[in-house]
């Protein structure tokens, strides 16, 4: 099963570790039923890791792989490759989710079906004229649930259709005029402003050192070793700090969402399904605020973005 070439070679030790991980999780990943070999699985995971951070240390990659929705990632990639069995599984599992999400957004039967049909075409990898193109499922990276990712894609597709049919009106103007894009009942997808507000407020409340660690590692793609050198500590110390900061941040965001009116179940689903990159939050600007005096930014002043 061919995959796109990665942007840069991975560390040989990381490649070996990915191979071991693939062998250990091959059977429970579901790859066998779609005709993927352990080598195919390892190649796919190497691509995903490279797109995430091709300079990451082994411990970071190991944690990254362990957190992936591996079975869902395999299913999505098998569908993108055109495997009929994978499509049967996908449609049986997610057809209802796709239509329900489309109906919540469009609020009319005919518009919901048109939206679902358009989305199916994008997922299959064909355009409006029936010509082949890259399946949108190729962009799923397995870092959140496939169900949550699909909800996001439905919302994006609706916006695309809206723009295509009303080019004379800007999207911002349409929103000002009261155009509705979210469900009548609170949804835990990226459209829910409570998740965005909670994330923005908690990111802004982080201490300077915490913002520095998150910005250096997740935004500037610094390795644990690089950050540790700048801080004058061992990289295992940085790893523990990052784990503590991210864990506590997630807890505080969840608590704030519940305080804003979400039920615990809705908050848990939001934390599970939503990727922070999909939120309309100025993550980079917020994390880098107040870190100008730290050594990392003095040394790399040209990379502040």
Foldseek 3Di string as FASTA:
>chain_A
DDDDDFPDDADPVLLVVLLVVLVVCVVVLCLVVLPADSVNLSRLLLRLVRVQFRHADNVVSVVQVVQFPRNQLSLLVSLQVPRPVSVVVCCVVCVVLQLVLLCQFVVDPVRSVVLSVCLVCLQNAAHPVRHGHGRPSVPDSRNFDPSLVSSLVSLVSVVVVVCVVCVVDDPVVVVVVPRTGGGPDDALHLVHVLLLVLLQVLLLVDDLVLLVLCCVCRVVVDYLCVVCVLVVHDSVVSVVVNVVSVVVSLVSSLVSSVVVPDDNVSSVNNSRRYDNVSHPHPSLVSSCPPNCPRPVCVVPVVPSD
